[in-house]
Amino acid sequence: MLIEYIHAAMEKAKYEILSDDNTFYGEIPGFDGAYANAETLEKCRDELESILEEWIFFRISRNLSLPRDSQTGKN
């Protein structure tokens, strides 16, 4: 269930190349504060997924809601 939620969230991720240093920046709309920056797109994706996991566990530990997944309809 958690893996499905993470995968669905990662499918919504948006990436861009930063012009000042040519690194990759990634974020997931609706997941405020979950973002990553790395030298390659692959590293950026890996880092973003790791940060997303930590972000989810933090929100759960504080009894904060999670964004609803539009694909499964689950939080």
PDB file of N, CA and C in Angstrom:
ATOM      1  N   MET A   1       0.814  -1.181   0.000  1.00  0.00           N
ATOM      2  CA  MET A   1       0.000   0.000   0.000  1.00  0.00           C
ATOM      3  C   MET A   1       0.871   1.264   0.000  1.00  0.00           C
ATOM      4  N   LEU A   2       1.871   1.318   0.876  1.00  0.00           N
ATOM      5  CA  LEU A   2       2.758   2.474   0.927  1.00  0.00           C
ATOM      6  C   LEU A   2       3.566   2.595  -0.358  1.00  0.00           C
ATOM      7  N   ILE A   3       4.047   1.478  -0.861  1.00  0.00           N
ATOM      8  CA  ILE A   3       4.835   1.499  -2.098  1.00  0.00           C
ATOM      9  C   ILE A   3       3.988   2.011  -3.256  1.00  0.00           C
ATOM     10  N   GLU A   4       2.730   1.578  -3.322  1.00  0.00           N
ATOM     11  CA  GLU A   4       1.835   2.050  -4.380  1.00  0.00           C
ATOM     12  C   GLU A   4       1.632   3.562  -4.278  1.00  0.00           C
ATOM     13  N   TYR A   5       1.476   4.057  -3.060  1.00  0.00           N
ATOM     14  CA  TYR A   5       1.281   5.483  -2.835  1.00  0.00           C
ATOM     15  C   TYR A   5       2.518   6.265  -3.290  1.00  0.00           C
ATOM     16  N   ILE A   6       3.695   5.775  -2.926  1.00  0.00           N
ATOM     17  CA  ILE A   6       4.947   6.433  -3.311  1.00  0.00           C
ATOM     18  C   ILE A   6       5.110   6.433  -4.822  1.00  0.00           C
ATOM     19  N   HIS A   7       4.836   5.310  -5.454  1.00  0.00           N
ATOM     20  CA  HIS A   7       4.973   5.227  -6.912  1.00  0.00           C
ATOM     21  C   HIS A   7       4.007   6.182  -7.612  1.00  0.00           C
ATOM     22  N   ALA A   8       2.773   6.253  -7.113  1.00  0.00           N
ATOM     23  CA  ALA A   8       1.792   7.162  -7.712  1.00  0.00           C
ATOM     24  C   ALA A   8       2.240   8.620  -7.546  1.00  0.00           C
ATOM     25  N   ALA A   9       2.777   8.951  -6.374  1.00  0.00           N
ATOM     26  CA  ALA A   9       3.265  10.313  -6.140  1.00  0.00           C
ATOM     27  C   ALA A   9       4.454  10.622  -7.050  1.00  0.00           C
ATOM     28  N   MET A  10       5.373   9.671  -7.189  1.00  0.00           N
ATOM     29  CA  MET A  10       6.554   9.890  -8.024  1.00  0.00           C
ATOM     30  C   MET A  10       6.190  10.089  -9.493  1.00  0.00           C
ATOM     31  N   GLU A  11       5.084   9.503  -9.921  1.00  0.00           N
ATOM     32  CA  GLU A  11       4.646   9.703 -11.306  1.00  0.00           C
ATOM     33  C   GLU A  11       4.239  11.154 -11.556  1.00  0.00           C
ATOM     34  N   LYS A  12       3.891  11.877 -10.499  1.00  0.00           N
ATOM     35  CA  LYS A  12       3.491  13.281 -10.622  1.00  0.00           C
ATOM     36  C   LYS A  12       4.682  14.235 -10.532  1.00  0.00           C
ATOM     37  N   ALA A  13       5.857  13.723 -10.246  1.00  0.00           N
ATOM     38  CA  ALA A  13       7.043  14.565 -10.045  1.00  0.00           C
ATOM     39  C   ALA A  13       7.352  15.379 -11.297  1.00  0.00           C
ATOM     40  N   LYS A  14       7.809  16.584 -11.055  1.00  0.00           N
ATOM     41  CA  LYS A  14       8.220  17.504 -12.123  1.00  0.00           C
ATOM     42  C   LYS A  14       9.704  17.792 -11.949  1.00  0.00           C
ATOM     43  N   TYR A  15      10.432  17.797 -13.060  1.00  0.00           N
ATOM     44  CA  TYR A  15      11.874  18.008 -13.022  1.00  0.00           C
ATOM     45  C   TYR A  15      12.259  19.147 -13.948  1.00  0.00           C
ATOM     46  N   GLU A  16      13.330  19.818 -13.596  1.00  0.00           N
ATOM     47  CA  GLU A  16      13.882  20.854 -14.462  1.00  0.00           C
ATOM     48  C   GLU A  16      15.387  20.928 -14.250  1.00  0.00           C
ATOM     49  N   ILE A  17      16.068  21.466 -15.252  1.00  0.00           N
ATOM     50  CA  ILE A  17      17.502  21.696 -15.143  1.00  0.00           C
ATOM     51  C   ILE A  17      17.686  23.143 -14.715  1.00  0.00           C
ATOM     52  N   LEU A  18      18.413  23.353 -13.640  1.00  0.00           N
ATOM     53  CA  LEU A  18      18.659  24.704 -13.138  1.00  0.00           C
ATOM     54  C   LEU A  18      19.748  25.365 -13.969  1.00  0.00           C
ATOM     55  N   SER A  19      19.461  26.539 -14.458  1.00  0.00           N
ATOM     56  CA  SER A  19      20.384  27.211 -15.380  1.00  0.00           C
ATOM     57  C   SER A  19      21.666  27.697 -14.708  1.00  0.00           C
ATOM     58  N   ASP A  20      21.613  27.981 -13.409  1.00  0.00           N
ATOM     59  CA  ASP A  20      22.809  28.529 -12.758  1.00  0.00           C
ATOM     60  C   ASP A  20      23.910  27.498 -12.552  1.00  0.00           C
ATOM     61  N   ASP A  21      23.538  26.221 -12.349  1.00  0.00           N
ATOM     62  CA  ASP A  21      24.580  25.208 -12.128  1.00  0.00           C
ATOM     63  C   ASP A  21      24.360  23.914 -12.920  1.00  0.00           C
ATOM     64  N   ASN A  22      23.333  23.887 -13.774  1.00  0.00           N
ATOM     65  CA  ASN A  22      23.022  22.730 -14.621  1.00  0.00           C
ATOM     66  C   ASN A  22      22.737  21.448 -13.833  1.00  0.00           C
ATOM     67  N   THR A  23      22.263  21.589 -12.612  1.00  0.00           N
ATOM     68  CA  THR A  23      21.835  20.422 -11.853  1.00  0.00           C
ATOM     69  C   THR A  23      20.338  20.215 -12.072  1.00  0.00           C
ATOM     70  N   PHE A  24      19.865  19.055 -11.651  1.00  0.00           N
ATOM     71  CA  PHE A  24      18.456  18.722 -11.799  1.00  0.00           C
ATOM     72  C   PHE A  24      17.721  18.998 -10.496  1.00  0.00           C
ATOM     73  N   TYR A  25      16.565  19.613 -10.624  1.00  0.00           N
ATOM     74  CA  TYR A  25      15.700  19.916  -9.488  1.00  0.00           C
ATOM     75  C   TYR A  25      14.393  19.165  -9.705  1.00  0.00           C
ATOM     76  N   GLY A  26      13.908  18.490  -8.670  1.00  0.00           N
ATOM     77  CA  GLY A  26      12.644  17.773  -8.778  1.00  0.00           C
ATOM     78  C   GLY A  26      11.763  18.043  -7.579  1.00  0.00           C
ATOM     79  N   GLU A  27      10.459  18.106  -7.836  1.00  0.00           N
ATOM     80  CA  GLU A  27       9.480  18.284  -6.773  1.00  0.00           C
ATOM     81  C   GLU A  27       8.201  17.564  -7.158  1.00  0.00           C
ATOM     82  N   ILE A  28       7.348  17.349  -6.163  1.00  0.00           N
ATOM     83  CA  ILE A  28       6.076  16.682  -6.402  1.00  0.00           C
ATOM     84  C   ILE A  28       4.969  17.655  -6.021  1.00  0.00           C
ATOM     85  N   PRO A  29       4.186  18.113  -6.993  1.00  0.00           N
ATOM     86  CA  PRO A  29       3.103  19.033  -6.678  1.00  0.00           C
ATOM     87  C   PRO A  29       2.161  18.450  -5.622  1.00  0.00           C
ATOM     88  N   GLY A  30       1.807  19.273  -4.637  1.00  0.00           N
ATOM     89  CA  GLY A  30       0.920  18.827  -3.569  1.00  0.00           C
ATOM     90  C   GLY A  30       1.639  18.266  -2.365  1.00  0.00           C
ATOM     91  N   PHE A  31       2.942  18.046  -2.480  1.00  0.00           N
ATOM     92  CA  PHE A  31       3.751  17.517  -1.387  1.00  0.00           C
ATOM     93  C   PHE A  31       4.748  18.605  -0.978  1.00  0.00           C
ATOM     94  N   ASP A  32       4.226  19.635  -0.327  1.00  0.00           N
ATOM     95  CA  ASP A  32       5.036  20.801   0.029  1.00  0.00           C
ATOM     96  C   ASP A  32       6.265  20.421   0.843  1.00  0.00           C
ATOM     97  N   GLY A  33       7.414  20.881   0.387  1.00  0.00           N
ATOM     98  CA  GLY A  33       8.666  20.610   1.082  1.00  0.00           C
ATOM     99  C   GLY A  33       9.379  19.355   0.615  1.00  0.00           C
ATOM    100  N   ALA A  34       8.752  18.575  -0.261  1.00  0.00           N
ATOM    101  CA  ALA A  34       9.399  17.364  -0.792  1.00  0.00           C
ATOM    102  C   ALA A  34      10.027  17.729  -2.135  1.00  0.00           C
ATOM    103  N   TYR A  35      11.331  17.979  -2.097  1.00  0.00           N
ATOM    104  CA  TYR A  35      12.045  18.339  -3.314  1.00  0.00           C
ATOM    105  C   TYR A  35      13.474  17.820  -3.230  1.00  0.00           C
ATOM    106  N   ALA A  36      14.128  17.753  -4.373  1.00  0.00           N
ATOM    107  CA  ALA A  36      15.505  17.252  -4.423  1.00  0.00           C
ATOM    108  C   ALA A  36      16.277  18.009  -5.489  1.00  0.00           C
ATOM    109  N   ASN A  37      17.591  17.969  -5.353  1.00  0.00           N
ATOM    110  CA  ASN A  37      18.495  18.606  -6.294  1.00  0.00           C
ATOM    111  C   ASN A  37      19.728  17.722  -6.403  1.00  0.00           C
ATOM    112  N   ALA A  38      20.120  17.365  -7.629  1.00  0.00           N
ATOM    113  CA  ALA A  38      21.276  16.482  -7.809  1.00  0.00           C
ATOM    114  C   ALA A  38      21.909  16.729  -9.175  1.00  0.00           C
ATOM    115  N   GLU A  39      23.079  16.153  -9.367  1.00  0.00           N
ATOM    116  CA  GLU A  39      23.842  16.372 -10.599  1.00  0.00           C
ATOM    117  C   GLU A  39      23.264  15.653 -11.812  1.00  0.00           C
ATOM    118  N   THR A  40      22.553  14.536 -11.591  1.00  0.00           N
ATOM    119  CA  THR A  40      21.953  13.809 -12.710  1.00  0.00           C
ATOM    120  C   THR A  40      20.467  13.601 -12.430  1.00  0.00           C
ATOM    121  N   LEU A  41      19.710  13.357 -13.480  1.00  0.00           N
ATOM    122  CA  LEU A  41      18.280  13.117 -13.327  1.00  0.00           C
ATOM    123  C   LEU A  41      18.033  11.856 -12.500  1.00  0.00           C
ATOM    124  N   GLU A  42      18.810  10.818 -12.734  1.00  0.00           N
ATOM    125  CA  GLU A  42      18.645   9.569 -11.982  1.00  0.00           C
ATOM    126  C   GLU A  42      18.879   9.788 -10.484  1.00  0.00           C
ATOM    127  N   LYS A  43      19.941  10.513 -10.148  1.00  0.00           N
ATOM    128  CA  LYS A  43      20.219  10.793  -8.730  1.00  0.00           C
ATOM    129  C   LYS A  43      19.131  11.672  -8.127  1.00  0.00           C
ATOM    130  N   CYS A  44      18.622  12.606  -8.909  1.00  0.00           N
ATOM    131  CA  CYS A  44      17.559  13.478  -8.437  1.00  0.00           C
ATOM    132  C   CYS A  44      16.302  12.661  -8.140  1.00  0.00           C
ATOM    133  N   ARG A  45      15.947  11.741  -9.017  1.00  0.00           N
ATOM    134  CA  ARG A  45      14.780  10.875  -8.790  1.00  0.00           C
ATOM    135  C   ARG A  45      14.969  10.027  -7.539  1.00  0.00           C
ATOM    136  N   ASP A  46      16.152   9.423  -7.402  1.00  0.00           N
ATOM    137  CA  ASP A  46      16.422   8.595  -6.229  1.00  0.00           C
ATOM    138  C   ASP A  46      16.334   9.404  -4.939  1.00  0.00           C
ATOM    139  N   GLU A  47      16.920  10.592  -4.960  1.00  0.00           N
ATOM    140  CA  GLU A  47      16.896  11.452  -3.781  1.00  0.00           C
ATOM    141  C   GLU A  47      15.469  11.907  -3.466  1.00  0.00           C
ATOM    142  N   LEU A  48      14.707  12.247  -4.502  1.00  0.00           N
ATOM    143  CA  LEU A  48      13.328  12.688  -4.297  1.00  0.00           C
ATOM    144  C   LEU A  48      12.485  11.567  -3.695  1.00  0.00           C
ATOM    145  N   GLU A  49      12.670  10.354  -4.155  1.00  0.00           N
ATOM    146  CA  GLU A  49      11.913   9.229  -3.597  1.00  0.00           C
ATOM    147  C   GLU A  49      12.271   9.006  -2.125  1.00  0.00           C
ATOM    148  N   SER A  50      13.546   9.107  -1.797  1.00  0.00           N
ATOM    149  CA  SER A  50      13.983   8.954  -0.408  1.00  0.00           C
ATOM    150  C   SER A  50      13.399  10.066   0.470  1.00  0.00           C
ATOM    151  N   ILE A  51      13.425  11.285  -0.025  1.00  0.00           N
ATOM    152  CA  ILE A  51      12.876  12.414   0.719  1.00  0.00           C
ATOM    153  C   ILE A  51      11.369  12.260   0.877  1.00  0.00           C
ATOM    154  N   LEU A  52      10.698  11.773  -0.151  1.00  0.00           N
ATOM    155  CA  LEU A  52       9.256  11.547  -0.073  1.00  0.00           C
ATOM    156  C   LEU A  52       8.932  10.544   1.035  1.00  0.00           C
ATOM    157  N   GLU A  53       9.694   9.454   1.121  1.00  0.00           N
ATOM    158  CA  GLU A  53       9.477   8.471   2.190  1.00  0.00           C
ATOM    159  C   GLU A  53       9.613   9.125   3.560  1.00  0.00           C
ATOM    160  N   GLU A  54      10.666   9.896   3.754  1.00  0.00           N
ATOM    161  CA  GLU A  54      10.866  10.588   5.038  1.00  0.00           C
ATOM    162  C   GLU A  54       9.735  11.578   5.299  1.00  0.00           C
ATOM    163  N   TRP A  55       9.306  12.282   4.268  1.00  0.00           N
ATOM    164  CA  TRP A  55       8.231  13.255   4.372  1.00  0.00           C
ATOM    165  C   TRP A  55       6.945  12.571   4.835  1.00  0.00           C
ATOM    166  N   ILE A  56       6.644  11.421   4.242  1.00  0.00           N
ATOM    167  CA  ILE A  56       5.442  10.663   4.619  1.00  0.00           C
ATOM    168  C   ILE A  56       5.521  10.215   6.076  1.00  0.00           C
ATOM    169  N   PHE A  57       6.651   9.626   6.476  1.00  0.00           N
ATOM    170  CA  PHE A  57       6.794   9.149   7.853  1.00  0.00           C
ATOM    171  C   PHE A  57       6.723  10.298   8.858  1.00  0.00           C
ATOM    172  N   PHE A  58       7.283  11.439   8.504  1.00  0.00           N
ATOM    173  CA  PHE A  58       7.199  12.607   9.382  1.00  0.00           C
ATOM    174  C   PHE A  58       5.743  13.014   9.574  1.00  0.00           C
ATOM    175  N   ARG A  59       4.998  13.107   8.474  1.00  0.00           N
ATOM    176  CA  ARG A  59       3.596  13.524   8.566  1.00  0.00           C
ATOM    177  C   ARG A  59       2.779  12.515   9.364  1.00  0.00           C
ATOM    178  N   ILE A  60       3.039  11.244   9.168  1.00  0.00           N
ATOM    179  CA  ILE A  60       2.322  10.226   9.935  1.00  0.00           C
ATOM    180  C   ILE A  60       2.653  10.353  11.414  1.00  0.00           C
ATOM    181  N   SER A  61       3.922  10.578  11.735  1.00  0.00           N
ATOM    182  CA  SER A  61       4.334  10.669  13.142  1.00  0.00           C
ATOM    183  C   SER A  61       3.709  11.867  13.849  1.00  0.00           C
ATOM    184  N   ARG A  62       3.308  12.872  13.076  1.00  0.00           N
ATOM    185  CA  ARG A  62       2.699  14.083  13.653  1.00  0.00           C
ATOM    186  C   ARG A  62       1.175  14.097  13.479  1.00  0.00           C
ATOM    187  N   ASN A  63       0.623  12.966  13.046  1.00  0.00           N
ATOM    188  CA  ASN A  63      -0.823  12.850  12.787  1.00  0.00           C
ATOM    189  C   ASN A  63      -1.333  13.898  11.806  1.00  0.00           C
ATOM    190  N   LEU A  64      -0.509  14.202  10.809  1.00  0.00           N
ATOM    191  CA  LEU A  64      -0.893  15.140   9.760  1.00  0.00           C
ATOM    192  C   LEU A  64      -1.417  14.361   8.562  1.00  0.00           C
ATOM    193  N   SER A  65      -2.331  14.944   7.842  1.00  0.00           N
ATOM    194  CA  SER A  65      -2.908  14.246   6.699  1.00  0.00           C
ATOM    195  C   SER A  65      -1.902  14.170   5.554  1.00  0.00           C
ATOM    196  N   LEU A  66      -2.134  13.201   4.698  1.00  0.00           N
ATOM    197  CA  LEU A  66      -1.337  13.026   3.484  1.00  0.00           C
ATOM    198  C   LEU A  66      -2.199  13.417   2.295  1.00  0.00           C
ATOM    199  N   PRO A  67      -1.595  13.911   1.238  1.00  0.00           N
ATOM    200  CA  PRO A  67      -2.374  14.212   0.034  1.00  0.00           C
ATOM    201  C   PRO A  67      -3.053  12.948  -0.494  1.00  0.00           C
ATOM    202  N   ARG A  68      -4.266  13.102  -0.952  1.00  0.00           N
ATOM    203  CA  ARG A  68      -5.006  11.982  -1.524  1.00  0.00           C
ATOM    204  C   ARG A  68      -4.403  11.638  -2.879  1.00  0.00           C
ATOM    205  N   ASP A  69      -4.214  10.348  -3.094  1.00  0.00           N
ATOM    206  CA  ASP A  69      -3.682   9.875  -4.378  1.00  0.00           C
ATOM    207  C   ASP A  69      -4.824   9.832  -5.388  1.00  0.00           C
ATOM    208  N   SER A  70      -4.714  10.583  -6.456  1.00  0.00           N
ATOM    209  CA  SER A  70      -5.778  10.667  -7.431  1.00  0.00           C
ATOM    210  C   SER A  70      -5.978   9.362  -8.218  1.00  0.00           C
ATOM    211  N   GLN A  71      -4.963   8.508  -8.245  1.00  0.00           N
ATOM    212  CA  GLN A  71      -5.098   7.266  -8.980  1.00  0.00           C
ATOM    213  C   GLN A  71      -5.823   6.188  -8.187  1.00  0.00           C
ATOM    214  N   THR A  72      -5.531   6.100  -6.892  1.00  0.00           N
ATOM    215  CA  THR A  72      -6.161   5.045  -6.097  1.00  0.00           C
ATOM    216  C   THR A  72      -7.269   5.565  -5.207  1.00  0.00           C
ATOM    217  N   GLY A  73      -7.319   6.887  -4.998  1.00  0.00           N
ATOM    218  CA  GLY A  73      -8.309   7.471  -4.104  1.00  0.00           C
ATOM    219  C   GLY A  73      -7.987   7.264  -2.640  1.00  0.00           C
ATOM    220  N   LYS A  74      -6.763   6.832  -2.341  1.00  0.00           N
ATOM    221  CA  LYS A  74      -6.354   6.553  -0.970  1.00  0.00           C
ATOM    222  C   LYS A  74      -5.396   7.613  -0.477  1.00  0.00           C
ATOM    223  N   ASN A  75      -5.378   7.815   0.857  1.00  0.00           N
ATOM    224  CA  ASN A  75      -4.380   8.692   1.460  1.00  0.00           C
ATOM    225  C   ASN A  75      -3.200   7.837   1.860  1.00  0.00           C
TER     226      ASN A  75
END
